[in-house]
């Protein structure tokens, strides 16, 4: 999303009601977002809540615009970051790709 829109979205209060355990400064946040964009998925390791790890992948519409995300959460005491990335991320990425392909197919159908 464009920088101005991103700033506006990130300035909105969380609807989850949770206060993140750690809040990065602007420079660190921008660096993390660049990394996420480059690799195509996101990882959090207890930044939102103690004991919670998560990987997320974007869902894209027919034009390639990100419209949602799909994620897998686990408890840090039960699943290492390595296991989350090695075992859970590949099927997550496959599923996100399949759903995105479905959005593209729907968008390609002529509308009456």
Protein backbone atom coordinates (compact mmCIF):
# COMPACT_ATOMS: atom_id res chain seq x y z
CA UNK A 1 0.00 0.00 0.00
CA UNK A 2 1.19 3.54 -0.58
CA UNK A 3 3.27 5.12 2.20
CA UNK A 4 0.65 7.72 3.16
CA UNK A 5 -2.07 5.08 3.43
CA UNK A 6 0.24 2.80 5.44
CA UNK A 7 1.00 5.59 7.92
CA UNK A 8 -2.72 6.24 8.34
CA UNK A 9 -3.53 2.57 8.92
CA UNK A 10 -0.69 2.11 11.41
CA UNK A 11 -1.77 5.23 13.32
CA UNK A 12 -5.19 3.70 14.02
CA UNK A 13 -5.62 2.02 17.42
CA UNK A 14 -5.68 -1.76 17.44
CA UNK A 15 -9.13 -3.32 17.29
CA UNK A 16 -7.86 -6.36 19.18
CA UNK A 17 -7.72 -4.54 22.48
CA UNK A 18 -4.21 -5.89 23.02
CA UNK A 19 -1.24 -3.69 23.68
CA UNK A 20 1.86 -5.13 21.98
CA UNK A 21 4.62 -6.28 24.33
CA UNK A 22 7.12 -4.31 22.30
CA UNK A 23 6.60 -1.29 20.08
CA UNK A 24 9.36 -0.69 17.53
CA UNK A 25 10.42 2.82 16.67
CA UNK A 26 9.57 4.17 13.22
CA UNK A 27 12.91 3.22 11.65
CA UNK A 28 12.80 -0.34 12.97
CA UNK A 29 9.18 -0.76 11.87
CA UNK A 30 10.00 0.45 8.37
CA UNK A 31 12.96 -1.96 8.16
CA UNK A 32 10.78 -4.89 9.24
CA UNK A 33 8.10 -3.95 6.69
CA UNK A 34 10.72 -3.82 3.91
CA UNK A 35 11.92 -7.28 4.92
CA UNK A 36 8.36 -8.67 5.03
CA UNK A 37 7.60 -7.24 1.59
CA UNK A 38 10.82 -8.70 0.16
CA UNK A 39 10.27 -12.24 1.45
CA UNK A 40 6.49 -12.25 1.05
CA UNK A 41 5.47 -13.33 4.56
CA UNK A 42 5.67 -12.12 8.16
CA UNK A 43 6.83 -13.67 11.43
CA UNK A 44 6.15 -12.48 14.95
CA UNK A 45 7.77 -14.06 17.95
CA UNK A 46 6.03 -12.90 21.12
CA UNK A 47 5.89 -9.25 20.01
CA UNK A 48 2.11 -9.05 20.37
CA UNK A 49 1.57 -11.28 23.40
CA UNK A 50 3.86 -13.37 25.59
CA UNK A 51 4.08 -16.96 24.39
CA UNK A 52 2.49 -16.38 20.98
CA UNK A 53 4.34 -16.92 17.70
CA UNK A 54 2.77 -16.42 14.31
CA UNK A 55 3.53 -16.55 10.59
CA UNK A 56 1.31 -14.77 8.08
CA UNK A 57 0.98 -14.64 4.31
CA UNK A 58 -0.92 -12.16 2.14
CA UNK A 59 -4.05 -12.92 0.16
CA UNK A 60 -4.16 -11.01 -3.12
CA UNK A 61 -7.00 -10.14 -5.45
CA UNK A 62 -6.93 -10.57 -9.21
CA UNK A 63 -4.85 -7.40 -9.64
CA UNK A 64 -2.22 -8.47 -7.10
CA UNK A 65 -3.42 -6.06 -4.40
CA UNK A 66 -3.22 -7.45 -0.84
CA UNK A 67 -6.76 -7.71 0.48
CA UNK A 68 -6.32 -9.87 3.58
CA UNK A 69 -3.90 -12.23 5.29
CA UNK A 70 -3.85 -15.81 6.44
CA UNK A 71 -1.87 -16.82 9.51
CA UNK A 72 -0.88 -19.66 11.80
CA UNK A 73 -0.46 -19.04 15.52
CA UNK A 74 1.22 -21.29 18.04
CA UNK A 75 2.43 -21.23 21.61
CA UNK A 76 6.14 -20.52 22.00
CA UNK A 77 6.52 -23.24 24.64
CA UNK A 78 5.26 -25.86 22.18
CA UNK A 79 6.62 -24.73 18.81
CA UNK A 80 10.05 -23.28 18.04
CA UNK A 81 10.49 -20.54 15.47
CA UNK A 82 12.39 -23.05 13.32
CA UNK A 83 9.52 -25.56 13.41
CA UNK A 84 6.97 -22.82 12.71
CA UNK A 85 8.93 -21.69 9.64
CA UNK A 86 9.98 -25.13 8.38
CA UNK A 87 6.75 -27.09 8.97
CA UNK A 88 3.88 -24.62 9.11
CA UNK A 89 4.95 -21.85 6.75
CA UNK A 90 5.13 -23.92 3.51
CA UNK A 91 1.49 -25.13 3.65
CA UNK A 92 0.42 -21.64 4.74
CA UNK A 93 2.11 -20.10 1.69
CA UNK A 94 0.62 -22.78 -0.58
CA UNK A 95 -2.87 -22.16 0.79
CA UNK A 96 -2.51 -18.37 0.53
CA UNK A 97 -1.36 -18.81 -3.07
CA UNK A 98 -4.29 -21.09 -3.86
CA UNK A 99 -6.81 -18.66 -2.36
CA UNK A 100 -5.20 -15.76 -4.21
CA UNK A 101 -5.40 -17.75 -7.46
CA UNK A 102 -9.11 -18.30 -6.76
CA UNK A 103 -9.58 -14.54 -6.34
CA UNK A 104 -7.80 -14.00 -9.68
CA UNK A 105 -10.01 -16.58 -11.42
CA UNK A 106 -13.16 -14.95 -10.05
CA UNK A 107 -11.94 -11.53 -11.16
CA UNK A 108 -11.33 -12.91 -14.68
CA UNK A 109 -14.94 -14.10 -15.08
CA UNK A 110 -16.96 -11.66 -17.13
CA UNK A 111 -19.49 -9.82 -15.00
CA UNK A 112 -23.10 -9.65 -16.14
